[in-house]
Amino acid sequence: MADRVRVGIVGFGFMGRTHAGAYRWATEQAGLPVEITTIADGRGIEALALGGGNIGADASPIEAGDVHVVTDAGELFASADVDLVSICTPTDTHVDLAIAALDAGKHVLVEKPVAARASAIERLINAADEARARSGLLCTPAMCMRFWPEWAWLKNTIGSGEFGSVHSASFTRLGAAPAWSGFYADESRSGGAILDLHVHDVDFILHCFGAPTAVTSRGDSSHVSTLYGLGENPGHVLARGGWLRSSGFPFTMRYVVEFENAVADFDLSRDRALMFHNGDGSRPVETPAGSGYDHQAVAVTRAVLEGREAPVSLGDALTSLRVIEAERASAASGEPVAV
């Protein structure tokens, strides 16, 4: 068991800053012995002052002088002052960087989507399995919705059966097309909204209900709606995700889940984001403070501290990608596609 976790962050754009804030939250709010020691970004110290993103994080939680800043990820991997690496770079660089970090003896949290191709994720799975067997290292995908308090509440409520089985579930995730980086517009690198954005809801559906046998999708890689074939219970699960053309459209994240005896309704835009409705009326649901990124950082650093397995498996990331590949095929053909 480790007595502290020293963190290095590779890539300090919007997501790198978000990870940095989450590790600070793990230290200050959860009381974990976590310290950010090193940041690697090709822009060097200038990266600390840059902005961009769709859900906040305007100000950097790191200031010049707080950490060691390098321009080369290899230098970070070689550092004896790093135990855990957050990979927060463009999607097409994730796998090679994660493997290099594992080879250097570091634990790894790799941002979603892990990769745009199944073969790349399979390559990382093999490297992670070897690193686990050799050195006890973990490598986990950053699927933050599993840790978002209102979403973790939903997963637990579904599992408890307290309000009966789920009759229907719908998930919506929409936002203006990202303008803070040209990477997103290059679908060959980002995979489009269906992979970069919609993957959150695909993963969460798998987390709650298991893998579908088939999908029926409409739209395209920039904006897709999918109905998931999950058998009779629940028989009606759908998700819509996309980047909209208007730059003024606010980021939207919502679910409505109908149980036999109640309805759970989450909307990020409300002051009371999670509402519960049943025969007795409607009421807000209180959940722990912090975002999914914050609680993800707590889960990962605790796993490192205690020598436990990765909180989310790379195998789950591979399954999510295969579901998305089936969605692409269904949207293109207009027909249901088996997963």
C-alpha atoms as a PDB file:
ATOM      1  CA  MET A   1       0.000   0.000   0.000  1.00  0.00           C
ATOM      2  CA  ALA A   2       1.189   3.511  -0.863  1.00  0.00           C
ATOM      3  CA  ASP A   3       1.322   6.301   1.709  1.00  0.00           C
ATOM      4  CA  ARG A   4       0.710   9.076  -0.847  1.00  0.00           C
ATOM      5  CA  VAL A   5      -0.025   9.549  -4.548  1.00  0.00           C
ATOM      6  CA  ARG A   6       2.091  11.938  -6.610  1.00  0.00           C
ATOM      7  CA  VAL A   7       0.293  12.881  -9.815  1.00  0.00           C
ATOM      8  CA  GLY A   8       1.577  13.881 -13.231  1.00  0.00           C
ATOM      9  CA  ILE A   9      -0.788  15.290 -15.878  1.00  0.00           C
ATOM     10  CA  VAL A  10       0.000  14.928 -19.581  1.00  0.00           C
ATOM     11  CA  GLY A  11      -1.839  17.575 -21.587  1.00  0.00           C
ATOM     12  CA  PHE A  12      -3.018  20.704 -19.800  1.00  0.00           C
ATOM     13  CA  GLY A  13      -5.954  21.870 -21.869  1.00  0.00           C
ATOM     14  CA  PHE A  14      -9.523  21.969 -20.595  1.00  0.00           C
ATOM     15  CA  MET A  15      -9.501  18.347 -19.460  1.00  0.00           C
ATOM     16  CA  GLY A  16      -6.043  18.511 -17.918  1.00  0.00           C
ATOM     17  CA  ARG A  17      -7.142  21.481 -15.817  1.00  0.00           C
ATOM     18  CA  THR A  18     -10.303  19.598 -14.865  1.00  0.00           C
ATOM     19  CA  HIS A  19      -8.232  16.651 -13.652  1.00  0.00           C
ATOM     20  CA  ALA A  20      -5.978  19.002 -11.704  1.00  0.00           C
ATOM     21  CA  GLY A  21      -8.967  20.548  -9.956  1.00  0.00           C
ATOM     22  CA  ALA A  22     -10.325  17.087  -9.161  1.00  0.00           C
ATOM     23  CA  TYR A  23      -7.070  15.940  -7.571  1.00  0.00           C
ATOM     24  CA  ARG A  24      -7.053  19.111  -5.488  1.00  0.00           C
ATOM     25  CA  TRP A  25     -10.640  18.298  -4.438  1.00  0.00           C
ATOM     26  CA  ALA A  26      -9.550  14.770  -3.444  1.00  0.00           C
ATOM     27  CA  THR A  27      -6.915  16.324  -1.205  1.00  0.00           C
ATOM     28  CA  GLU A  28      -8.912  19.167   0.282  1.00  0.00           C
ATOM     29  CA  GLN A  29     -12.382  17.620   0.562  1.00  0.00           C
ATOM     30  CA  ALA A  30     -11.713  13.876   0.874  1.00  0.00           C
ATOM     31  CA  GLY A  31      -8.508  14.276   2.861  1.00  0.00           C
ATOM     32  CA  LEU A  32      -6.422  11.987   0.664  1.00  0.00           C
ATOM     33  CA  PRO A  33      -2.619  12.327   0.474  1.00  0.00           C
ATOM     34  CA  VAL A  34      -2.540  13.429  -3.178  1.00  0.00           C
ATOM     35  CA  GLU A  35      -0.095  15.913  -4.675  1.00  0.00           C
ATOM     36  CA  ILE A  36       0.201  17.167  -8.260  1.00  0.00           C
ATOM     37  CA  THR A  37       3.938  17.285  -8.912  1.00  0.00           C
ATOM     38  CA  THR A  38       4.444  17.503 -12.688  1.00  0.00           C
ATOM     39  CA  ILE A  39       2.653  18.692 -15.825  1.00  0.00           C
ATOM     40  CA  ALA A  40       3.742  17.856 -19.372  1.00  0.00           C
ATOM     41  CA  ASP A  41       2.427  20.046 -22.176  1.00  0.00           C
ATOM     42  CA  GLY A  42       4.092  21.017 -25.429  1.00  0.00           C
ATOM     43  CA  ARG A  43       3.261  24.681 -24.788  1.00  0.00           C
ATOM     44  CA  GLY A  44       5.239  24.662 -21.572  1.00  0.00           C
ATOM     45  CA  ILE A  45       4.386  27.124 -18.817  1.00  0.00           C
ATOM     46  CA  GLU A  46       2.014  29.021 -21.144  1.00  0.00           C
ATOM     47  CA  ALA A  47      -0.460  26.132 -20.941  1.00  0.00           C
ATOM     48  CA  LEU A  48      -1.264  27.071 -17.346  1.00  0.00           C
ATOM     49  CA  ALA A  49      -2.923  30.305 -18.458  1.00  0.00           C
ATOM     50  CA  LEU A  50      -5.052  29.014 -21.345  1.00  0.00           C
ATOM     51  CA  GLY A  51      -8.808  28.366 -21.203  1.00  0.00           C
ATOM     52  CA  GLY A  52     -11.618  26.586 -23.058  1.00  0.00           C
ATOM     53  CA  GLY A  53     -14.189  23.913 -22.344  1.00  0.00           C
ATOM     54  CA  ASN A  54     -17.899  23.259 -22.086  1.00  0.00           C
ATOM     55  CA  ILE A  55     -18.697  22.885 -18.378  1.00  0.00           C
ATOM     56  CA  GLY A  56     -16.632  25.447 -16.536  1.00  0.00           C
ATOM     57  CA  ALA A  57     -13.015  25.236 -15.434  1.00  0.00           C
ATOM     58  CA  ASP A  58     -12.213  28.747 -16.647  1.00  0.00           C
ATOM     59  CA  ALA A  59      -9.453  29.319 -14.101  1.00  0.00           C
ATOM     60  CA  SER A  60      -6.472  27.019 -13.798  1.00  0.00           C
ATOM     61  CA  PRO A  61      -6.192  25.287 -10.409  1.00  0.00           C
ATOM     62  CA  ILE A  62      -2.402  25.294 -10.947  1.00  0.00           C
ATOM     63  CA  GLU A  63      -0.159  28.348 -10.902  1.00  0.00           C
ATOM     64  CA  ALA A  64       3.405  28.735 -12.101  1.00  0.00           C
ATOM     65  CA  GLY A  65       5.702  27.630  -9.311  1.00  0.00           C
ATOM     66  CA  ASP A  66       3.250  25.101  -7.855  1.00  0.00           C
ATOM     67  CA  VAL A  67       4.510  22.217  -9.989  1.00  0.00           C
ATOM     68  CA  HIS A  68       7.310  21.185 -12.328  1.00  0.00           C
ATOM     69  CA  VAL A  69       6.275  21.903 -15.948  1.00  0.00           C
ATOM     70  CA  VAL A  70       7.945  20.056 -18.835  1.00  0.00           C
ATOM     71  CA  THR A  71       7.253  19.997 -22.565  1.00  0.00           C
ATOM     72  CA  ASP A  72       7.936  16.284 -23.128  1.00  0.00           C
ATOM     73  CA  ALA A  73       5.774  13.486 -21.712  1.00  0.00           C
ATOM     74  CA  GLY A  74       8.792  11.184 -21.634  1.00  0.00           C
ATOM     75  CA  GLU A  75      10.422  13.449 -19.061  1.00  0.00           C
ATOM     76  CA  LEU A  76       7.329  13.209 -16.878  1.00  0.00           C
ATOM     77  CA  PHE A  77       7.256   9.397 -17.214  1.00  0.00           C
ATOM     78  CA  ALA A  78      10.906   9.228 -16.161  1.00  0.00           C
ATOM     79  CA  SER A  79      10.321  11.299 -13.034  1.00  0.00           C
ATOM     80  CA  ALA A  80      10.693   9.566  -9.681  1.00  0.00           C
ATOM     81  CA  ASP A  81       8.204  12.113  -8.303  1.00  0.00           C
ATOM     82  CA  VAL A  82       5.214  10.704 -10.243  1.00  0.00           C
ATOM     83  CA  ASP A  83       3.158   7.650  -9.215  1.00  0.00           C
ATOM     84  CA  LEU A  84      -0.052   8.202 -11.191  1.00  0.00           C
ATOM     85  CA  VAL A  85      -0.390   9.751 -14.653  1.00  0.00           C
ATOM     86  CA  SER A  86      -3.520  11.385 -16.074  1.00  0.00           C
ATOM     87  CA  ILE A  87      -3.507  11.219 -19.882  1.00  0.00           C
ATOM     88  CA  CYS A  88      -5.482  14.272 -21.067  1.00  0.00           C
ATOM     89  CA  THR A  89      -4.278  14.617 -24.646  1.00  0.00           C
ATOM     90  CA  PRO A  90      -6.097  14.137 -27.992  1.00  0.00           C
ATOM     91  CA  THR A  91      -7.752  10.742 -28.453  1.00  0.00           C
ATOM     92  CA  ASP A  92      -5.355   9.458 -31.098  1.00  0.00           C
ATOM     93  CA  THR A  93      -2.398   9.804 -28.688  1.00  0.00           C
ATOM     94  CA  HIS A  94      -3.962   8.076 -25.661  1.00  0.00           C
ATOM     95  CA  VAL A  95      -2.873   4.490 -26.164  1.00  0.00           C
ATOM     96  CA  ASP A  96       0.785   5.095 -26.965  1.00  0.00           C
ATOM     97  CA  LEU A  97       1.146   7.516 -24.050  1.00  0.00           C
ATOM     98  CA  ALA A  98      -0.640   5.171 -21.642  1.00  0.00           C
ATOM     99  CA  ILE A  99       1.592   2.249 -22.639  1.00  0.00           C
ATOM    100  CA  ALA A 100       4.706   4.408 -22.231  1.00  0.00           C
ATOM    101  CA  ALA A 101       3.547   5.436 -18.752  1.00  0.00           C
ATOM    102  CA  LEU A 102       2.888   1.809 -17.751  1.00  0.00           C
ATOM    103  CA  ASP A 103       6.300   0.773 -19.109  1.00  0.00           C
ATOM    104  CA  ALA A 104       7.821   3.490 -16.912  1.00  0.00           C
ATOM    105  CA  GLY A 105       6.138   1.996 -13.833  1.00  0.00           C
ATOM    106  CA  LYS A 106       3.273   4.484 -13.451  1.00  0.00           C
ATOM    107  CA  HIS A 107      -0.411   3.947 -12.709  1.00  0.00           C
ATOM    108  CA  VAL A 108      -2.588   5.468 -15.458  1.00  0.00           C
ATOM    109  CA  LEU A 109      -5.922   7.267 -15.711  1.00  0.00           C
ATOM    110  CA  VAL A 110      -6.601   7.697 -19.436  1.00  0.00           C
ATOM    111  CA  GLU A 111      -9.258  10.097 -20.651  1.00  0.00           C
ATOM    112  CA  LYS A 112     -12.221   8.989 -22.686  1.00  0.00           C
ATOM    113  CA  PRO A 113     -12.551   7.917 -25.375  1.00  0.00           C
ATOM    114  CA  VAL A 114      -9.606   5.600 -24.853  1.00  0.00           C
ATOM    115  CA  ALA A 115      -9.209   5.190 -28.614  1.00  0.00           C
ATOM    116  CA  ALA A 116     -11.173   5.358 -31.842  1.00  0.00           C
ATOM    117  CA  ARG A 117     -10.368   1.757 -32.824  1.00  0.00           C
ATOM    118  CA  ALA A 118     -10.956  -1.495 -30.992  1.00  0.00           C
ATOM    119  CA  SER A 119      -7.514  -2.805 -31.940  1.00  0.00           C
ATOM    120  CA  ALA A 120      -5.853   0.107 -30.120  1.00  0.00           C
ATOM    121  CA  ILE A 121      -7.816  -0.541 -26.917  1.00  0.00           C
ATOM    122  CA  GLU A 122      -6.982  -4.248 -27.160  1.00  0.00           C
ATOM    123  CA  ARG A 123      -3.298  -3.327 -27.385  1.00  0.00           C
ATOM    124  CA  LEU A 124      -3.605  -1.215 -24.228  1.00  0.00           C
ATOM    125  CA  ILE A 125      -5.498  -3.987 -22.426  1.00  0.00           C
ATOM    126  CA  ASN A 126      -2.629  -6.390 -23.126  1.00  0.00           C
ATOM    127  CA  ALA A 127      -0.043  -3.866 -21.871  1.00  0.00           C
ATOM    128  CA  ALA A 128      -2.115  -3.066 -18.772  1.00  0.00           C
ATOM    129  CA  ASP A 129      -2.581  -6.755 -17.928  1.00  0.00           C
ATOM    130  CA  GLU A 130       1.170  -7.292 -18.160  1.00  0.00           C
ATOM    131  CA  ALA A 131       1.887  -4.218 -16.009  1.00  0.00           C
ATOM    132  CA  ARG A 132      -0.625  -5.372 -13.409  1.00  0.00           C
ATOM    133  CA  ALA A 133       0.921  -8.821 -13.215  1.00  0.00           C
ATOM    134  CA  ARG A 134       4.469  -7.456 -13.197  1.00  0.00           C
ATOM    135  CA  SER A 135       4.195  -4.440 -10.907  1.00  0.00           C
ATOM    136  CA  GLY A 136       0.649  -4.195  -9.540  1.00  0.00           C
ATOM    137  CA  LEU A 137      -0.101  -1.144 -11.696  1.00  0.00           C
ATOM    138  CA  LEU A 138      -3.605  -0.073 -12.663  1.00  0.00           C
ATOM    139  CA  CYS A 139      -4.818   1.497 -15.889  1.00  0.00           C
ATOM    140  CA  THR A 140      -8.367   2.814 -15.912  1.00  0.00           C
ATOM    141  CA  PRO A 141     -10.492   4.790 -18.401  1.00  0.00           C
ATOM    142  CA  ALA A 142     -11.895   8.113 -17.210  1.00  0.00           C
ATOM    143  CA  MET A 143     -15.635   7.406 -17.407  1.00  0.00           C
ATOM    144  CA  CYS A 144     -16.654  10.195 -15.058  1.00  0.00           C
ATOM    145  CA  MET A 145     -20.443   9.714 -15.265  1.00  0.00           C
ATOM    146  CA  ARG A 146     -20.157   6.556 -13.184  1.00  0.00           C
ATOM    147  CA  PHE A 147     -18.916   8.807 -10.370  1.00  0.00           C
ATOM    148  CA  TRP A 148     -21.241  11.790 -10.826  1.00  0.00           C
ATOM    149  CA  PRO A 149     -23.218  11.838  -7.565  1.00  0.00           C
ATOM    150  CA  GLU A 150     -26.687  11.980  -9.148  1.00  0.00           C
ATOM    151  CA  TRP A 151     -25.736   9.279 -11.641  1.00  0.00           C
ATOM    152  CA  ALA A 152     -24.152   7.052  -9.007  1.00  0.00           C
ATOM    153  CA  TRP A 153     -27.426   7.477  -7.073  1.00  0.00           C
ATOM    154  CA  LEU A 154     -29.325   6.259 -10.150  1.00  0.00           C
ATOM    155  CA  LYS A 155     -27.105   3.202 -10.565  1.00  0.00           C
ATOM    156  CA  ASN A 156     -27.555   2.299  -6.888  1.00  0.00           C
ATOM    157  CA  THR A 157     -31.310   2.891  -7.057  1.00  0.00           C
ATOM    158  CA  ILE A 158     -31.674   0.648 -10.099  1.00  0.00           C
ATOM    159  CA  GLY A 159     -29.654  -2.060  -8.360  1.00  0.00           C
ATOM    160  CA  SER A 160     -31.620  -1.879  -5.119  1.00  0.00           C
ATOM    161  CA  GLY A 161     -34.987  -2.476  -6.787  1.00  0.00           C
ATOM    162  CA  GLU A 162     -36.523  -0.151  -4.181  1.00  0.00           C
ATOM    163  CA  PHE A 163     -38.926   1.393  -6.681  1.00  0.00           C
ATOM    164  CA  GLY A 164     -39.386  -1.657  -8.875  1.00  0.00           C
ATOM    165  CA  SER A 165     -37.785  -2.445 -12.190  1.00  0.00           C
ATOM    166  CA  VAL A 166     -36.978   0.150 -14.846  1.00  0.00           C
ATOM    167  CA  HIS A 167     -39.692   0.550 -17.462  1.00  0.00           C
ATOM    168  CA  SER A 168     -37.934   3.190 -19.576  1.00  0.00           C
ATOM    169  CA  ALA A 169     -34.814   5.339 -19.532  1.00  0.00           C
ATOM    170  CA  SER A 170     -33.721   8.238 -21.709  1.00  0.00           C
ATOM    171  CA  PHE A 171     -30.402  10.098 -21.699  1.00  0.00           C
ATOM    172  CA  THR A 172     -29.642  13.408 -23.446  1.00  0.00           C
ATOM    173  CA  ARG A 173     -26.224  15.023 -23.911  1.00  0.00           C
ATOM    174  CA  LEU A 174     -26.008  17.985 -26.291  1.00  0.00           C
ATOM    175  CA  GLY A 175     -23.702  20.935 -26.683  1.00  0.00           C
ATOM    176  CA  ALA A 176     -22.365  23.471 -29.119  1.00  0.00           C
ATOM    177  CA  ALA A 177     -19.639  22.079 -31.353  1.00  0.00           C
ATOM    178  CA  PRO A 178     -16.324  22.590 -29.506  1.00  0.00           C
ATOM    179  CA  ALA A 179     -14.584  25.720 -30.706  1.00  0.00           C
ATOM    180  CA  TRP A 180     -11.609  25.768 -28.337  1.00  0.00           C
ATOM    181  CA  SER A 181      -9.600  23.224 -30.354  1.00  0.00           C
ATOM    182  CA  GLY A 182      -9.500  22.271 -34.030  1.00  0.00           C
ATOM    183  CA  PHE A 183      -8.944  18.653 -32.980  1.00  0.00           C
ATOM    184  CA  TYR A 184     -12.680  18.051 -32.541  1.00  0.00           C
ATOM    185  CA  ALA A 185     -13.521  19.097 -36.089  1.00  0.00           C
ATOM    186  CA  ASP A 186     -11.179  16.415 -37.453  1.00  0.00           C
ATOM    187  CA  GLU A 187     -13.381  13.343 -37.147  1.00  0.00           C
ATOM    188  CA  SER A 188     -10.517  11.043 -38.146  1.00  0.00           C
ATOM    189  CA  ARG A 189      -8.855  12.023 -34.865  1.00  0.00           C
ATOM    190  CA  SER A 190     -11.737  12.784 -32.461  1.00  0.00           C
ATOM    191  CA  GLY A 191     -14.290  10.272 -33.739  1.00  0.00           C
ATOM    192  CA  GLY A 192     -16.952  12.991 -33.779  1.00  0.00           C
ATOM    193  CA  ALA A 193     -19.586  13.638 -31.126  1.00  0.00           C
ATOM    194  CA  ILE A 194     -20.799  10.030 -31.261  1.00  0.00           C
ATOM    195  CA  LEU A 195     -17.474   8.941 -29.758  1.00  0.00           C
ATOM    196  CA  ASP A 196     -16.237  11.957 -27.837  1.00  0.00           C
ATOM    197  CA  LEU A 197     -19.549  13.025 -26.221  1.00  0.00           C
ATOM    198  CA  HIS A 198     -22.169  10.296 -26.631  1.00  0.00           C
ATOM    199  CA  VAL A 199     -19.740   7.681 -25.244  1.00  0.00           C
ATOM    200  CA  HIS A 200     -20.591   8.897 -21.719  1.00  0.00           C
ATOM    201  CA  ASP A 201     -24.194   7.729 -22.022  1.00  0.00           C
ATOM    202  CA  VAL A 202     -23.275   4.538 -23.847  1.00  0.00           C
ATOM    203  CA  ASP A 203     -20.936   3.619 -21.006  1.00  0.00           C
ATOM    204  CA  PHE A 204     -23.505   4.466 -18.356  1.00  0.00           C
ATOM    205  CA  ILE A 205     -26.205   2.399 -20.051  1.00  0.00           C
ATOM    206  CA  LEU A 206     -23.801  -0.561 -20.117  1.00  0.00           C
ATOM    207  CA  HIS A 207     -22.955   0.127 -16.462  1.00  0.00           C
ATOM    208  CA  CYS A 208     -26.632   0.009 -15.454  1.00  0.00           C
ATOM    209  CA  PHE A 209     -28.176  -2.530 -17.815  1.00  0.00           C
ATOM    210  CA  GLY A 210     -25.396  -4.505 -19.477  1.00  0.00           C
ATOM    211  CA  ALA A 211     -24.519  -4.670 -23.153  1.00  0.00           C
ATOM    212  CA  PRO A 212     -27.345  -4.480 -25.709  1.00  0.00           C
ATOM    213  CA  THR A 213     -27.859  -7.227 -28.249  1.00  0.00           C
ATOM    214  CA  ALA A 214     -28.633  -4.683 -30.978  1.00  0.00           C
ATOM    215  CA  VAL A 215     -28.959  -0.943 -31.577  1.00  0.00           C
ATOM    216  CA  THR A 216     -31.199   1.136 -33.821  1.00  0.00           C
ATOM    217  CA  SER A 217     -29.741   4.557 -34.581  1.00  0.00           C
ATOM    218  CA  ARG A 218     -30.668   7.646 -36.576  1.00  0.00           C
ATOM    219  CA  GLY A 219     -28.480  10.619 -37.393  1.00  0.00           C
ATOM    220  CA  ASP A 220     -24.742  10.674 -37.956  1.00  0.00           C
ATOM    221  CA  SER A 221     -21.465  10.956 -36.092  1.00  0.00           C
ATOM    222  CA  SER A 222     -22.151  14.570 -35.125  1.00  0.00           C
ATOM    223  CA  HIS A 223     -25.652  13.969 -33.714  1.00  0.00           C
ATOM    224  CA  VAL A 224     -27.158  10.555 -33.052  1.00  0.00           C
ATOM    225  CA  SER A 225     -30.228   9.074 -31.374  1.00  0.00           C
ATOM    226  CA  THR A 226     -30.154   5.374 -30.457  1.00  0.00           C
ATOM    227  CA  LEU A 227     -32.614   2.830 -29.126  1.00  0.00           C
ATOM    228  CA  TYR A 228     -30.905  -0.041 -27.295  1.00  0.00           C
ATOM    229  CA  GLY A 229     -32.108  -3.626 -27.523  1.00  0.00           C
ATOM    230  CA  LEU A 230     -31.790  -4.871 -23.956  1.00  0.00           C
ATOM    231  CA  GLY A 231     -34.548  -7.464 -23.833  1.00  0.00           C
ATOM    232  CA  GLU A 232     -37.840  -7.080 -22.046  1.00  0.00           C
ATOM    233  CA  ASN A 233     -36.631  -5.307 -18.929  1.00  0.00           C
ATOM    234  CA  PRO A 234     -36.062  -2.495 -19.580  1.00  0.00           C
ATOM    235  CA  GLY A 235     -37.563  -2.600 -23.021  1.00  0.00           C
ATOM    236  CA  HIS A 236     -37.246   1.105 -23.788  1.00  0.00           C
ATOM    237  CA  VAL A 237     -33.801   2.670 -23.338  1.00  0.00           C
ATOM    238  CA  LEU A 238     -32.594   5.455 -25.600  1.00  0.00           C
ATOM    239  CA  ALA A 239     -29.846   8.070 -25.739  1.00  0.00           C
ATOM    240  CA  ARG A 240     -29.349  11.192 -27.810  1.00  0.00           C
ATOM    241  CA  GLY A 241     -26.035  12.954 -28.116  1.00  0.00           C
ATOM    242  CA  GLY A 242     -24.496  15.519 -30.387  1.00  0.00           C
ATOM    243  CA  TRP A 243     -22.740  18.752 -31.127  1.00  0.00           C
ATOM    244  CA  LEU A 244     -25.173  21.379 -32.388  1.00  0.00           C
ATOM    245  CA  ARG A 245     -24.316  23.977 -34.996  1.00  0.00           C
ATOM    246  CA  SER A 246     -25.251  27.036 -32.949  1.00  0.00           C
ATOM    247  CA  SER A 247     -22.405  28.265 -30.767  1.00  0.00           C
ATOM    248  CA  GLY A 248     -24.937  29.786 -28.360  1.00  0.00           C
ATOM    249  CA  PHE A 249     -26.550  26.503 -27.354  1.00  0.00           C
ATOM    250  CA  PRO A 250     -25.833  25.691 -23.677  1.00  0.00           C
ATOM    251  CA  PHE A 251     -24.415  22.330 -22.655  1.00  0.00           C
ATOM    252  CA  THR A 252     -27.293  19.983 -21.791  1.00  0.00           C
ATOM    253  CA  MET A 253     -27.043  16.816 -19.710  1.00  0.00           C
ATOM    254  CA  ARG A 254     -30.214  15.024 -18.622  1.00  0.00           C
ATOM    255  CA  TYR A 255     -31.824  11.694 -17.840  1.00  0.00           C
ATOM    256  CA  VAL A 256     -35.407  10.604 -17.177  1.00  0.00           C
ATOM    257  CA  VAL A 257     -35.755   7.087 -15.776  1.00  0.00           C
ATOM    258  CA  GLU A 258     -39.189   5.565 -15.186  1.00  0.00           C
ATOM    259  CA  PHE A 259     -39.370   2.881 -12.509  1.00  0.00           C
ATOM    260  CA  GLU A 260     -42.494   0.855 -11.764  1.00  0.00           C
ATOM    261  CA  ASN A 261     -43.329   3.148  -8.844  1.00  0.00           C
ATOM    262  CA  ALA A 262     -41.445   6.404  -9.434  1.00  0.00           C
ATOM    263  CA  VAL A 263     -39.613   8.621 -11.904  1.00  0.00           C
ATOM    264  CA  ALA A 264     -36.083  10.011 -11.494  1.00  0.00           C
ATOM    265  CA  ASP A 265     -35.353  13.201 -13.424  1.00  0.00           C
ATOM    266  CA  PHE A 266     -31.892  14.799 -13.657  1.00  0.00           C
ATOM    267  CA  ASP A 267     -31.213  18.086 -15.449  1.00  0.00           C
ATOM    268  CA  LEU A 268     -27.810  19.734 -15.053  1.00  0.00           C
ATOM    269  CA  SER A 269     -29.284  23.191 -15.762  1.00  0.00           C
ATOM    270  CA  ARG A 270     -31.530  23.218 -12.658  1.00  0.00           C
ATOM    271  CA  ASP A 271     -30.565  24.426  -9.212  1.00  0.00           C
ATOM    272  CA  ARG A 272     -32.037  21.179  -7.925  1.00  0.00           C
ATOM    273  CA  ALA A 273     -30.584  18.941 -10.596  1.00  0.00           C
ATOM    274  CA  LEU A 274     -32.091  15.635  -9.414  1.00  0.00           C
ATOM    275  CA  MET A 275     -35.827  15.370  -8.789  1.00  0.00           C
ATOM    276  CA  PHE A 276     -37.820  12.326  -7.663  1.00  0.00           C
ATOM    277  CA  HIS A 277     -41.494  11.945  -8.549  1.00  0.00           C
ATOM    278  CA  ASN A 278     -44.023   9.415  -7.226  1.00  0.00           C
ATOM    279  CA  GLY A 279     -47.605   9.240  -6.038  1.00  0.00           C
ATOM    280  CA  ASP A 280     -46.777  11.487  -3.078  1.00  0.00           C
ATOM    281  CA  GLY A 281     -45.537  14.311  -5.295  1.00  0.00           C
ATOM    282  CA  SER A 282     -42.131  15.615  -6.285  1.00  0.00           C
ATOM    283  CA  ARG A 283     -39.038  16.272  -4.203  1.00  0.00           C
ATOM    284  CA  PRO A 284     -35.367  17.038  -4.761  1.00  0.00           C
ATOM    285  CA  VAL A 285     -32.810  14.339  -3.992  1.00  0.00           C
ATOM    286  CA  GLU A 286     -29.785  15.322  -1.938  1.00  0.00           C
ATOM    287  CA  THR A 287     -26.497  13.852  -3.151  1.00  0.00           C
ATOM    288  CA  PRO A 288     -22.863  14.372  -2.101  1.00  0.00           C
ATOM    289  CA  ALA A 289     -21.026  17.514  -3.164  1.00  0.00           C
ATOM    290  CA  GLY A 290     -18.511  17.412  -5.967  1.00  0.00           C
ATOM    291  CA  SER A 291     -18.555  16.530  -9.657  1.00  0.00           C
ATOM    292  CA  GLY A 292     -17.981  13.195 -11.335  1.00  0.00           C
ATOM    293  CA  TYR A 293     -14.406  14.271 -12.016  1.00  0.00           C
ATOM    294  CA  ASP A 294     -13.880  14.902  -8.300  1.00  0.00           C
ATOM    295  CA  HIS A 295     -15.248  11.547  -7.196  1.00  0.00           C
ATOM    296  CA  GLN A 296     -13.402   9.793 -10.024  1.00  0.00           C
ATOM    297  CA  ALA A 297     -10.133  11.258  -8.701  1.00  0.00           C
ATOM    298  CA  VAL A 298     -11.011   9.996  -5.218  1.00  0.00           C
ATOM    299  CA  ALA A 299     -11.792   6.496  -6.526  1.00  0.00           C
ATOM    300  CA  VAL A 300      -8.604   6.246  -8.583  1.00  0.00           C
ATOM    301  CA  THR A 301      -6.260   7.590  -5.924  1.00  0.00           C
ATOM    302  CA  ARG A 302      -7.826   5.355  -3.275  1.00  0.00           C
ATOM    303  CA  ALA A 303      -7.311   2.359  -5.552  1.00  0.00           C
ATOM    304  CA  VAL A 304      -3.638   3.324  -5.896  1.00  0.00           C
ATOM    305  CA  LEU A 305      -3.243   3.930  -2.167  1.00  0.00           C
ATOM    306  CA  GLU A 306      -4.863   0.606  -1.253  1.00  0.00           C
ATOM    307  CA  GLY A 307      -3.468  -1.503  -4.102  1.00  0.00           C
ATOM    308  CA  ARG A 308      -6.930  -2.309  -5.462  1.00  0.00           C
ATOM    309  CA  GLU A 309      -8.129  -3.060  -8.988  1.00  0.00           C
ATOM    310  CA  ALA A 310      -8.949  -0.248 -11.408  1.00  0.00           C
ATOM    311  CA  PRO A 311     -12.355   1.324 -10.617  1.00  0.00           C
ATOM    312  CA  VAL A 312     -13.408   0.997 -14.285  1.00  0.00           C
ATOM    313  CA  SER A 313     -12.019  -1.661 -16.604  1.00  0.00           C
ATOM    314  CA  LEU A 314     -10.520  -1.119 -20.029  1.00  0.00           C
ATOM    315  CA  GLY A 315     -12.727  -3.994 -21.132  1.00  0.00           C
ATOM    316  CA  ASP A 316     -15.738  -1.758 -20.476  1.00  0.00           C
ATOM    317  CA  ALA A 317     -14.190   0.924 -22.702  1.00  0.00           C
ATOM    318  CA  LEU A 318     -13.770  -1.680 -25.443  1.00  0.00           C
ATOM    319  CA  THR A 319     -17.402  -2.778 -25.150  1.00  0.00           C
ATOM    320  CA  SER A 320     -18.587   0.835 -25.331  1.00  0.00           C
ATOM    321  CA  LEU A 321     -16.577   1.391 -28.501  1.00  0.00           C
ATOM    322  CA  ARG A 322     -18.072  -1.713 -30.113  1.00  0.00           C
ATOM    323  CA  VAL A 323     -21.574  -0.458 -29.278  1.00  0.00           C
ATOM    324  CA  ILE A 324     -20.724   2.912 -30.863  1.00  0.00           C
ATOM    325  CA  GLU A 325     -19.392   1.160 -33.951  1.00  0.00           C
ATOM    326  CA  ALA A 326     -22.743  -0.645 -34.231  1.00  0.00           C
ATOM    327  CA  GLU A 327     -24.540   2.708 -33.836  1.00  0.00           C
ATOM    328  CA  ARG A 328     -22.515   4.174 -36.716  1.00  0.00           C
ATOM    329  CA  ALA A 329     -23.469   1.217 -38.903  1.00  0.00           C
ATOM    330  CA  SER A 330     -27.124   1.428 -37.953  1.00  0.00           C
ATOM    331  CA  ALA A 331     -27.293   5.191 -38.606  1.00  0.00           C
ATOM    332  CA  ALA A 332     -25.678   4.642 -42.018  1.00  0.00           C
ATOM    333  CA  SER A 333     -27.951   1.787 -43.040  1.00  0.00           C
ATOM    334  CA  GLY A 334     -31.199   2.809 -41.370  1.00  0.00           C
ATOM    335  CA  GLU A 335     -31.509  -0.716 -39.979  1.00  0.00           C
ATOM    336  CA  PRO A 336     -30.948  -2.309 -36.559  1.00  0.00           C
ATOM    337  CA  VAL A 337     -27.426  -3.662 -36.119  1.00  0.00           C
ATOM    338  CA  ALA A 338     -26.353  -6.466 -33.803  1.00  0.00           C
ATOM    339  CA  VAL A 339     -23.653  -5.669 -31.261  1.00  0.00           C
END
